[in-house]
Protein backbone atom coordinates (compact mmCIF):
# COMPACT_ATOMS: atom_id res chain seq x y z
CA MET A 1 89.58 118.98 81.34
CA ALA A 2 85.85 118.38 80.11
CA GLY A 3 85.34 114.76 78.47
CA TYR A 4 88.90 113.85 79.80
CA LYS A 5 89.16 110.58 81.27
CA HIS A 6 92.02 107.69 81.40
CA GLY A 7 91.71 104.81 78.87
CA GLU A 8 92.67 101.47 79.31
CA VAL A 9 95.71 100.59 77.58
CA ARG A 10 95.90 99.03 74.68
CA THR A 11 97.61 95.61 73.83
CA LEU A 12 100.31 95.47 71.21
CA VAL A 13 98.01 93.17 69.11
CA GLU A 14 94.94 95.62 69.48
CA MET A 15 97.70 98.77 68.44
CA GLN A 16 98.86 96.71 65.25
CA TYR A 17 94.97 95.91 64.52
CA ILE A 18 94.06 99.28 64.65
CA GLN A 19 97.03 100.65 62.50
CA TYR A 20 95.52 98.38 59.83
CA LEU A 21 91.95 99.37 60.42
CA GLN A 22 93.31 103.01 60.21
CA SER A 23 95.09 102.02 56.74
CA ILE A 24 91.24 101.39 55.23
CA LEU A 25 89.49 104.58 57.12
CA CYS A 26 92.20 107.16 55.31
CA LYS A 27 90.92 105.89 51.76
CA PRO A 28 88.65 107.78 49.81
CA MET A 29 85.15 107.04 49.62
CA TRP A 30 86.21 103.54 51.26
CA TRP A 31 82.56 103.21 52.38
CA ILE A 32 81.35 102.92 49.01
CA ASP A 33 84.34 101.14 47.65
CA ILE A 34 83.32 98.41 50.60
CA THR A 35 80.61 97.57 48.55
CA ASN A 36 82.46 96.50 45.17
CA GLN A 37 84.39 93.11 45.35
CA HIS A 38 87.33 93.94 42.55
CA ILE A 39 88.04 96.41 45.08
CA VAL A 40 88.04 94.43 48.18
CA GLU A 41 90.11 91.95 46.33
CA GLN A 42 92.64 94.76 45.54
CA TRP A 43 92.44 95.18 49.35
CA LYS A 44 93.29 91.81 50.50
CA ALA A 45 96.19 91.38 48.11
CA ASP A 46 97.61 94.72 49.79
CA SER A 47 96.88 93.32 52.93
CA LEU A 48 98.88 89.96 52.01
CA ASP A 49 101.50 92.19 50.81
CA ARG A 50 102.06 94.07 54.82
CA ASN A 51 102.00 90.64 56.28
CA ILE A 52 98.11 91.03 57.62
CA SER A 53 96.55 87.32 57.85
CA PRO A 54 93.40 86.32 56.43
CA SER A 55 91.60 86.56 59.50
CA THR A 56 92.87 89.90 60.52
CA PHE A 57 91.53 91.20 56.86
CA ASN A 58 88.30 89.33 57.60
CA LEU A 59 87.81 91.26 60.84
CA ALA A 60 88.74 94.55 59.50
CA LEU A 61 86.26 93.66 56.76
CA GLU A 62 83.36 93.17 59.30
CA GLN A 63 83.92 96.10 61.28
CA LEU A 64 83.93 98.74 58.19
CA GLU A 65 80.41 96.82 57.36
CA VAL A 66 79.59 97.59 60.81
CA PHE A 67 80.42 100.75 60.15
CA VAL A 68 78.76 101.62 57.15
CA LYS A 69 75.50 100.39 58.71
CA GLN A 70 75.50 102.24 61.84
CA LEU A 71 77.69 105.01 61.78
CA VAL A 72 78.00 106.71 58.13
CA CYS A 73 75.36 108.87 57.74
CA SER A 74 74.59 111.89 55.52
CA GLY A 75 75.68 115.11 56.11
CA SER A 76 72.76 118.26 56.95
CA ASP A 77 70.36 118.63 54.30
CA GLY A 78 72.36 115.92 52.30
CA PHE A 79 75.59 117.41 51.53
CA GLY A 80 78.90 114.85 52.01
CA THR A 81 78.89 111.58 54.24
CA ILE A 82 79.68 111.78 57.79
CA VAL A 83 82.00 109.02 58.06
CA PRO A 84 84.72 107.42 61.04
CA GLY A 85 87.65 108.65 60.98
CA PRO A 86 91.21 106.61 61.29
CA VAL A 87 91.48 107.77 64.82
CA GLU A 88 88.95 106.21 66.91
CA LEU A 89 86.09 108.78 68.15
CA THR A 90 87.00 111.29 65.46
CA TYR A 91 84.42 112.13 62.49
CA ILE A 92 85.12 113.22 58.82
CA LEU A 93 82.68 115.17 57.01
CA ASP A 94 84.12 116.16 53.48
CA ASN A 95 82.82 118.93 50.81
CA GLY A 96 79.74 118.97 53.47
CA ILE A 97 79.31 123.13 53.04
CA PRO A 98 76.99 124.11 50.74
CA ASP A 99 78.77 125.88 48.12
CA ASN A 100 76.69 129.10 48.76
CA VAL A 101 77.63 129.43 52.21
CA TYR A 102 81.15 128.71 51.22
CA THR A 103 81.46 131.85 49.27
CA ARG A 104 79.81 133.87 51.46
CA LEU A 105 82.08 132.71 54.26
CA MET A 106 85.43 133.81 51.77
CA THR A 107 83.88 137.22 51.53
CA ASN A 108 83.12 138.02 54.84
CA VAL A 109 86.50 137.04 55.88
CA SER A 110 87.97 139.17 53.16
CA ASP A 111 86.29 141.95 54.71
CA ILE A 112 87.40 140.69 58.44
CA GLU A 113 90.82 140.36 56.71
CA HIS A 114 90.74 144.09 55.46
CA GLY A 115 89.58 145.50 58.56
CA SER A 116 92.02 143.70 60.92
CA ASN A 117 95.91 143.90 61.23
CA HIS A 118 96.10 141.04 58.72
CA ASN A 119 99.38 141.95 56.73
CA THR A 120 101.60 142.51 60.12
CA GLY A 121 104.35 139.76 58.72
CA GLN A 122 103.43 136.82 61.50
CA MET A 123 103.00 133.22 60.14
CA VAL A 124 99.23 133.04 62.50
CA HIS A 125 97.17 135.44 62.61
CA ASN A 126 93.84 135.03 64.77
CA LEU A 127 90.57 137.00 63.47
CA ILE A 128 88.82 135.88 65.76
CA ASP A 129 91.11 135.63 68.89
CA ALA A 130 89.30 134.02 72.06
CA SER A 131 91.93 134.76 73.78
CA MET A 132 91.35 138.70 73.73
CA TYR A 133 88.45 139.96 75.78
CA SER A 134 87.98 137.29 77.73
CA VAL A 135 86.47 136.92 81.60
CA VAL A 136 88.56 138.00 83.95
CA TYR A 137 87.64 136.57 87.60
CA GLY A 138 87.25 139.57 89.92
CA GLN A 139 87.33 142.03 87.08
CA THR A 140 84.80 141.09 84.33
CA MET A 141 81.44 142.16 85.33
CA ILE A 142 78.21 140.74 84.44
CA VAL A 143 74.63 142.32 83.48
CA PRO A 144 71.49 142.04 84.26
CA LEU A 145 69.25 139.76 82.15
CA SER A 146 66.96 142.39 81.23
CA ILE A 147 69.17 143.72 78.60
CA ARG A 148 71.49 140.41 78.01
CA LEU A 149 69.86 139.41 74.89
CA LYS A 150 70.08 142.23 72.28
CA TYR A 151 73.92 141.74 71.78
CA THR A 152 73.43 140.09 68.81
CA THR A 153 71.66 142.86 66.87
CA MET A 154 72.70 145.89 68.57
CA VAL A 155 75.14 147.34 71.40
CA PRO A 156 72.35 148.58 73.50
CA CYS A 157 72.94 152.04 75.26
CA ASP A 158 71.48 150.99 78.79
CA ILE A 159 74.49 149.12 79.06
CA LEU A 160 76.61 152.45 80.07
CA LEU A 161 73.17 152.88 82.99
CA SER A 162 73.24 149.31 83.85
CA THR A 163 74.16 148.17 87.74
CA ARG A 164 76.57 144.87 87.23
CA LEU A 165 77.99 142.09 88.77
CA VAL A 166 82.10 141.42 89.19
CA SER A 167 81.87 137.51 88.13
CA ASN A 168 84.05 135.47 90.80
CA VAL A 169 85.70 132.26 90.24
CA PRO A 170 83.84 129.32 89.76
CA ILE A 171 83.54 126.79 92.40
CA ILE A 172 84.44 123.53 90.39
CA GLU A 173 85.32 120.09 91.20
CA GLY A 174 89.35 118.49 90.21
CA GLU A 175 92.63 119.41 90.85
CA PRO A 176 93.50 123.19 90.98
CA LYS A 177 96.72 122.71 88.96
CA PHE A 178 93.87 122.08 86.43
CA ILE A 179 91.80 124.78 86.84
CA SER A 180 92.02 128.19 85.86
CA CYS A 181 91.69 130.69 88.60
CA LYS A 182 92.25 133.47 86.78
CA PHE A 183 90.90 133.34 83.49
CA GLN A 184 87.69 131.91 80.65
CA TRP A 185 87.03 131.64 77.34
CA LEU A 186 83.84 133.42 76.44
CA PRO A 187 81.66 131.04 74.53
CA SER A 188 78.73 132.63 72.85
CA GLU A 189 74.93 131.05 72.74
CA PHE A 190 73.88 128.95 70.01
CA ARG A 191 70.63 127.63 69.90
CA VAL A 192 69.82 124.49 67.71
CA GLU A 193 65.93 124.62 66.92
CA GLN A 194 64.08 121.31 66.23
CA ASP A 195 64.45 121.89 61.87
CA GLY A 196 68.00 121.36 62.71
CA SER A 197 68.84 125.33 61.84
CA VAL A 198 71.20 127.22 63.79
CA THR A 199 70.40 130.47 66.03
CA ILE A 200 72.93 132.56 67.33
CA ASN A 201 71.68 134.13 70.25
CA SER A 202 74.49 136.19 71.39
CA TYR A 203 77.99 137.56 70.43
CA ILE A 204 80.78 136.02 69.27
CA ASN A 205 83.53 137.35 71.40
CA ASN A 206 85.60 139.53 68.98
CA LEU A 207 83.09 139.59 66.18
CA ASN A 208 81.24 142.74 66.20
CA PRO A 209 77.37 141.63 65.61
CA ILE A 210 76.95 145.03 63.74
CA TRP A 211 79.57 145.41 61.61
CA HIS A 212 79.62 141.81 60.49
CA ARG A 213 75.83 139.98 60.40
CA ASP A 214 76.21 138.59 57.36
CA MET A 215 78.88 136.44 59.00
CA TYR A 216 76.99 135.44 61.63
CA LYS A 217 74.58 134.10 59.04
CA CYS A 218 77.42 131.86 57.53
CA ILE A 219 78.85 130.52 61.08
CA ALA A 220 75.06 129.87 62.41
CA LYS A 221 74.76 127.56 58.45
CA ILE A 222 78.73 126.04 58.91
CA PHE A 223 77.60 125.09 62.66
CA LYS A 224 74.26 123.51 61.62
CA CYS A 225 76.52 121.14 59.48
CA PHE A 226 78.64 120.16 62.35
CA VAL A 227 75.49 119.08 64.51
CA PRO A 228 75.03 115.91 63.27
CA MET A 229 78.81 115.40 63.48
CA PHE A 230 78.43 116.36 67.24
CA GLU A 231 75.48 114.12 67.58
CA SER A 232 77.48 110.93 66.22
CA LEU A 233 80.47 112.04 68.86
CA PHE A 234 78.12 112.42 71.61
CA ARG A 235 76.15 108.83 70.84
CA THR A 236 79.45 106.69 70.59
CA ILE A 237 82.10 108.69 73.19
CA HIS A 238 81.49 106.10 76.30
CA PRO A 239 84.33 103.59 76.63
CA LEU A 240 81.78 100.62 75.46
CA PHE A 241 82.09 101.72 72.05
CA LYS A 242 86.08 100.70 71.04
CA TYR A 243 88.05 100.02 68.02
CA ILE A 244 88.59 96.93 69.27
CA ASP A 245 88.82 95.42 72.29
CA ILE A 246 90.20 92.00 73.08
CA ARG A 247 88.42 90.23 76.30
CA ASN A 248 89.81 86.65 76.00
CA GLY A 249 92.59 85.61 78.55
CA THR A 250 93.22 87.62 81.98
CA ASN A 251 94.37 91.04 79.80
CA GLY A 252 97.15 88.61 78.51
CA TYR A 253 98.50 87.11 81.91
CA GLU A 254 97.36 84.97 84.55
CA LEU A 255 98.56 84.39 87.97
CA PRO A 256 100.27 80.89 88.89
CA SER A 257 97.48 78.72 89.96
CA GLN A 258 98.56 75.76 92.78
CA SER A 259 98.72 73.25 90.15
CA ASP A 260 101.42 75.00 88.74
CA ARG A 261 103.41 75.35 91.83
CA GLY A 262 103.28 71.77 92.74
CA GLY A 263 105.23 70.73 95.61
CA MET A 264 107.23 73.82 95.89
CA GLN A 265 107.15 76.53 98.97
CA PRO A 266 104.66 79.30 98.70
CA ASN A 267 107.44 81.92 98.08
CA THR A 268 108.88 80.52 94.97
CA ARG A 269 109.07 82.05 92.10
CA VAL A 270 106.79 80.64 89.13
CA THR A 271 108.12 81.41 85.89
CA ARG A 272 105.28 80.99 83.22
CA PRO A 273 105.20 81.47 79.60
CA VAL A 274 103.75 85.19 78.19
CA TYR A 275 100.31 84.35 77.37
CA VAL A 276 99.85 87.23 74.21
CA PRO A 277 96.53 87.72 73.30
CA THR A 278 94.80 86.82 69.87
CA LEU A 279 91.97 89.39 68.12
CA PRO A 280 88.49 87.41 67.98
CA GLU A 281 87.36 85.72 64.97
CA HIS A 282 84.23 88.12 64.66
CA PHE A 283 83.74 91.92 65.62
CA GLU A 284 81.24 91.87 68.05
CA PRO A 285 79.85 95.79 67.74
CA ASN A 286 78.42 97.76 70.77
CA TYR A 287 76.87 100.72 68.69
CA LYS A 288 73.00 99.30 68.90
CA SER A 289 73.00 99.87 72.04
CA ALA A 290 74.38 103.57 71.96
CA LYS A 291 71.15 105.50 72.68
CA PRO A 292 70.76 108.25 69.58
CA VAL A 293 71.61 111.73 70.67
CA SER A 294 69.68 114.55 68.86
CA LEU A 295 70.71 118.43 69.62
CA ARG A 296 67.84 119.53 68.35
CA GLY A 297 65.97 121.93 70.29
CA ARG A 298 69.15 122.58 72.48
CA ASN A 299 71.30 125.46 73.93
CA LEU A 300 75.24 125.01 73.35
CA GLN A 301 77.90 127.12 74.26
CA VAL A 302 80.23 127.83 71.78
CA ILE A 303 83.73 129.18 71.57
CA VAL A 304 84.47 130.41 68.07
CA LYS A 305 87.81 130.76 66.81
CA LEU A 306 89.13 132.18 63.40
CA THR A 307 92.90 131.54 62.25
CA ASN A 308 95.23 131.96 59.15
CA ILE A 309 98.24 130.66 58.80
CA GLN A 310 100.39 132.60 56.24
CA LEU A 311 103.29 130.96 54.74
CA THR A 312 105.94 132.72 52.17
CA PRO A 313 109.64 131.87 50.81
CA SER A 314 111.23 133.67 53.46
CA LYS A 315 109.10 131.73 56.07
CA PRO A 316 108.23 128.50 54.58
CA LYS A 317 107.76 125.95 57.45
CA TYR A 318 104.87 125.63 59.99
CA ASP A 319 106.25 123.77 62.92
CA GLU A 320 104.76 121.18 64.98
CA GLY A 321 102.64 122.35 67.90
CA ASN A 322 102.83 120.61 71.13
CA TRP A 323 100.89 118.26 72.82
CA HIS A 324 97.46 119.99 75.04
CA ASN A 325 93.96 119.61 75.54
CA GLU A 326 91.74 122.75 75.13
CA GLY A 327 91.03 124.69 77.65
CA PRO A 328 91.48 124.11 81.84
CA ILE A 329 88.71 122.26 83.50
CA ASN A 330 86.30 125.61 84.37
CA GLU A 331 85.63 126.19 80.54
CA SER A 332 84.42 122.50 80.54
CA ILE A 333 85.15 122.42 77.05
CA VAL A 334 84.08 118.73 75.61
CA ALA A 335 84.58 118.55 71.61
CA THR A 336 86.18 120.17 69.03
CA GLY A 337 85.04 121.15 65.42
CA LEU A 338 87.90 122.17 62.82
CA TYR A 339 86.60 123.66 59.54
CA TYR A 340 89.55 123.89 57.02
CA TYR A 341 88.17 125.64 54.46
CA ASP A 342 90.77 127.10 52.76
CA VAL A 343 94.35 125.39 52.11
CA GLU A 344 95.93 126.11 49.60
CA ASN A 345 99.77 125.26 48.29
CA ILE A 346 101.33 124.01 51.58
CA THR A 347 101.55 120.22 52.18
CA THR A 348 98.48 118.16 53.64
CA PRO A 349 98.26 119.67 57.58
CA LYS A 350 97.47 116.85 59.88
CA LEU A 351 96.88 116.22 63.71
CA ASP A 352 98.35 114.07 66.16
CA PHE A 353 96.42 112.06 68.90
CA ARG A 354 97.35 110.24 72.09
CA VAL A 355 95.53 109.53 74.65
CA ALA A 356 96.27 109.08 78.79
CA VAL A 357 96.27 105.30 80.15
CA ASP A 358 95.79 103.49 83.84
CA ARG A 359 97.99 101.64 85.16
CA PHE A 360 97.54 97.68 84.87
CA LYS A 361 95.54 95.71 87.15
CA TYR A 362 97.66 92.30 86.42
CA GLN A 363 101.03 94.19 87.60
CA LYS A 364 103.43 91.06 88.64
CA ALA A 365 104.84 89.65 85.40
CA SER A 366 108.57 90.48 83.91
CA ASP A 367 110.02 92.71 81.68
CA MET A 368 109.11 90.17 78.76
CA TYR A 369 105.70 90.00 79.34
CA TRP A 370 104.91 94.32 78.95
CA LYS A 371 107.19 94.26 76.20
CA ASP A 372 105.42 91.37 74.37
CA VAL A 373 101.88 91.80 75.24
CA TYR A 374 101.91 95.62 75.42
CA ASP A 375 105.17 96.81 74.05
CA ILE A 376 106.62 99.11 76.78
CA ASP A 377 109.07 99.16 79.16
CA GLN A 378 110.76 100.59 82.63
CA GLU A 379 110.50 104.42 80.27
CA SER A 380 107.10 104.01 78.80
CA PRO A 381 105.24 106.89 79.80
CA TYR A 382 101.37 106.66 80.85
CA ASN A 383 100.30 107.55 77.10
CA GLN A 384 99.60 105.66 73.78
CA TYR A 385 99.54 107.21 70.73
CA ILE A 386 96.48 106.75 68.78
CA GLY A 387 97.12 107.81 64.81
CA SER A 388 96.83 111.07 63.09
CA LEU A 389 93.99 113.06 60.87
CA GLU A 390 94.86 114.45 57.48
CA LEU A 391 93.01 117.89 57.40
CA PRO A 392 92.87 118.29 53.59
CA ASN A 393 90.70 121.32 51.79
CA GLY A 394 87.34 122.09 52.56
CA ARG A 395 87.39 118.83 55.36
CA CYS A 396 85.11 119.10 58.42
CA VAL A 397 86.27 117.61 61.37
CA VAL A 398 85.06 116.77 65.21
CA TYR A 399 87.12 114.81 67.95
CA PRO A 400 86.85 114.86 71.64
CA ASN A 401 88.80 116.66 74.10
CA ARG A 402 89.48 113.51 76.02
CA TYR A 403 92.75 113.31 73.68
CA GLN A 404 95.34 115.46 73.53
CA HIS A 405 96.70 116.17 69.67
CA LYS A 406 99.18 118.74 67.89
CA GLU A 407 99.83 120.10 64.64
CA GLN A 408 102.15 118.34 62.63
CA SER A 409 104.56 120.73 60.65
CA PHE A 410 103.96 121.16 57.29
CA GLU A 411 105.49 123.68 54.47
CA LEU A 412 104.63 125.06 50.69
CA ALA A 413 104.42 122.60 48.59
CA ASP A 414 105.64 124.87 45.78
CA PRO A 415 108.70 126.65 47.54
CA THR A 416 108.71 129.61 45.04
CA GLN A 417 105.20 130.74 45.82
CA PRO A 418 103.16 131.84 49.43
CA GLY A 419 100.08 129.61 50.27
CA HIS A 420 97.77 129.19 53.62
CA CYS A 421 96.08 127.07 55.85
CA LYS A 422 92.53 128.91 56.68
CA ILE A 423 90.52 127.29 59.87
CA LEU A 424 87.71 127.89 61.75
CA THR A 425 87.18 126.12 65.10
CA PHE A 426 84.16 125.40 67.27
CA PHE A 427 85.18 124.34 70.69
CA VAL A 428 81.60 123.07 72.36
CA VAL A 429 81.32 123.59 75.75
CA ASN A 430 80.08 120.15 77.97
CA PRO A 431 76.28 120.27 77.00
CA SER A 432 75.62 119.22 81.16
CA CYS A 433 77.40 122.64 81.84
CA ARG A 434 77.04 126.34 81.98
CA ILE A 435 79.27 128.75 82.30
CA VAL A 436 79.86 132.49 81.85
CA SER A 437 79.09 133.49 78.38
CA THR A 438 78.21 136.36 76.27
CA ALA A 439 74.85 136.35 76.97
CA HIS A 440 75.90 137.75 80.57
CA VAL A 441 79.44 139.78 79.64
CA ALA A 442 78.75 142.91 78.02
CA PRO A 443 81.28 143.59 74.79
CA GLN A 444 84.10 144.63 76.67
CA GLN A 445 85.36 145.97 73.52
CA PRO A 446 85.55 149.84 73.78
CA GLN A 447 85.67 150.27 69.89
CA TRP A 448 81.76 148.33 69.83
CA TYR A 449 80.26 151.21 71.54
CA ASN A 450 80.91 153.87 69.00
CA SER A 451 77.99 153.42 66.88
CA SER A 452 75.61 153.22 69.99
CA LEU A 453 77.04 156.89 70.61
CA ASP A 454 75.47 158.18 67.76
CA LYS A 455 72.54 158.07 69.18
CA THR A 456 73.35 160.76 71.71
CA PRO A 457 74.50 164.46 71.90
CA ILE A 458 78.08 163.54 72.36
CA PRO A 459 80.18 164.85 68.90
CA PRO A 460 81.84 161.75 66.91
CA GLU A 461 85.42 163.36 67.92
CA LEU A 462 85.04 162.61 71.67
CA TRP A 463 83.38 159.21 71.19
CA ASN A 464 86.89 157.04 71.57
CA ASP A 465 87.56 159.78 74.94
CA ALA A 466 83.88 158.87 76.12
CA THR A 467 84.18 154.63 75.63
CA GLN A 468 87.08 154.95 78.38
CA TYR A 469 84.87 155.34 80.85
CA ILE A 470 82.15 152.44 80.47
CA GLN A 471 81.99 150.15 83.41
CA GLY A 472 83.93 146.94 82.47
CA VAL A 473 85.53 147.81 78.92
CA GLN A 474 89.32 146.93 78.57
CA SER A 475 91.57 149.09 76.41
CA PRO A 476 93.20 146.84 73.38
CA ALA A 477 97.05 147.44 75.64
CA GLU A 478 94.71 145.75 78.89
CA ALA A 479 93.22 142.86 76.65
CA LYS A 480 96.64 142.44 75.09
CA HIS A 481 98.12 142.32 78.49
CA TYR A 482 95.74 139.72 79.89
CA ARG A 483 95.96 137.98 76.46
CA ASP A 484 99.55 137.13 77.57
CA GLU A 485 98.73 136.47 81.06
CA LEU A 486 95.90 134.01 80.20
CA THR A 487 98.51 132.28 77.42
CA SER A 488 100.66 131.51 79.82
CA ASP A 489 98.26 130.39 82.64
CA ARG A 490 97.45 128.01 80.01
CA THR A 491 100.59 126.62 79.09
CA GLN A 492 100.94 125.69 82.69
CA ILE A 493 97.94 123.70 82.91
CA THR A 494 98.88 121.84 80.01
CA ALA A 495 102.24 121.24 81.59
CA ALA A 496 101.08 120.09 84.76
CA TYR A 497 98.66 117.50 82.75
CA ASN A 498 101.67 116.49 80.90
CA LYS A 499 103.60 115.89 83.83
CA ASP A 500 101.22 114.54 86.24
CA ILE A 501 98.55 112.20 83.85
CA TYR A 502 100.43 111.63 80.21
CA GLU A 503 104.02 111.47 80.69
CA GLN A 504 104.61 110.11 83.91
CA LYS A 505 106.68 106.84 83.69
CA TYR A 506 105.81 103.04 84.29
CA ASN A 507 108.66 102.54 86.13
CA LEU A 508 107.90 98.34 86.56
CA GLY A 509 110.95 97.86 88.44
CA LEU A 510 108.85 98.90 91.31
CA TRP A 511 106.17 96.70 90.97
């Protein structure tokens, strides 16, 4: 999983502090309110009602002031404000998409909906489905460089005559159980220009560049708004930059010294009181040492997904999702960006996050120690829940793929009326990696070639028959079959991650 790393387990004291910090980071306009002494006094009074000590409140206030100085910044072209989210390494942008871009997006989405099987009665409908017409290792065809860059403006006729190579399974380091040997989503080539604008240099899989030219322009303008958010994430993604880090003591436990034993035999068991770590008096930030990250002048590989979730009085509830990361190792997805651009008549959607954690360095301790210091017991899994994130209408958010996440359930706010949630998703491939993209693979949708056949003597009534003979295309039935296999493949990989990493038990009695 690109960007995946184990984290150090947080102490109970840290988790309680982070939960309080999250309660402020969830407040609207907190970065402005923190400069209002009257509002800060209200926060302080509320903290006392929650049994938060004055020293803890002052520590949180110090940290928030650092966030305002070093992490809060303006959105692209001054639209909105990018702020740290309540979950560590998440960044939020509200009202950051210009109105004219939003209006064009809604118009283009409506056109796509009318041209698809949108009204099938399904609750979830992927208007741009990354799992359709994906790379199938050993079958997907790679095209010559000379015609690769034509795909954003046309579907070239010379593709019919090209000599192409069959893609093979890539050689990738990592556990085989976390790698797909069968499938890969197809990213597009996004160019971030020096002025911050974005150019899409290869087709978006399952979004025809001829039929939906203006949608391409909208997606490029929206991704431009995400660029500074991803820059903030990549700048602080190093484990050094934590919301809080307790360093006093030795992780809350000290091995017995010789003086503790007195004249006892070496094998005599010594019982010592549990040392519970405390919060530092002041927040010591590491953000100043973080090198600025600029994606300007960079080529990024981005997978695009467009999803509608439709609720009705007969189907009023969306069930919660399953814990997962995005993609197998061979897709190298490092971060995700979500734009909840149209949310109507539903309770606020939320994402839950959890992180895998390492074994402890100091293992010789009593059950009381593990419970008092870390709030874990014999059956606790190797993960920690690190919070949730609300996704109201108009919100953009980015987060790293080192976390697992799942969607909380939501339902109709007014159960007598329909409601919906419409989401534009960007999956960003690790910029230091390059994988097979739509710059390398000709469109595999046979219907896309009809617009090219009008330049040939083939009569229109034979176009559908003719496209079936183009090397490398998949029929709709084949594409759906491969999508089902891909979904099953990813489910197995997620199950392997959960079994081997996230949901193993500590089993403290064996230590």
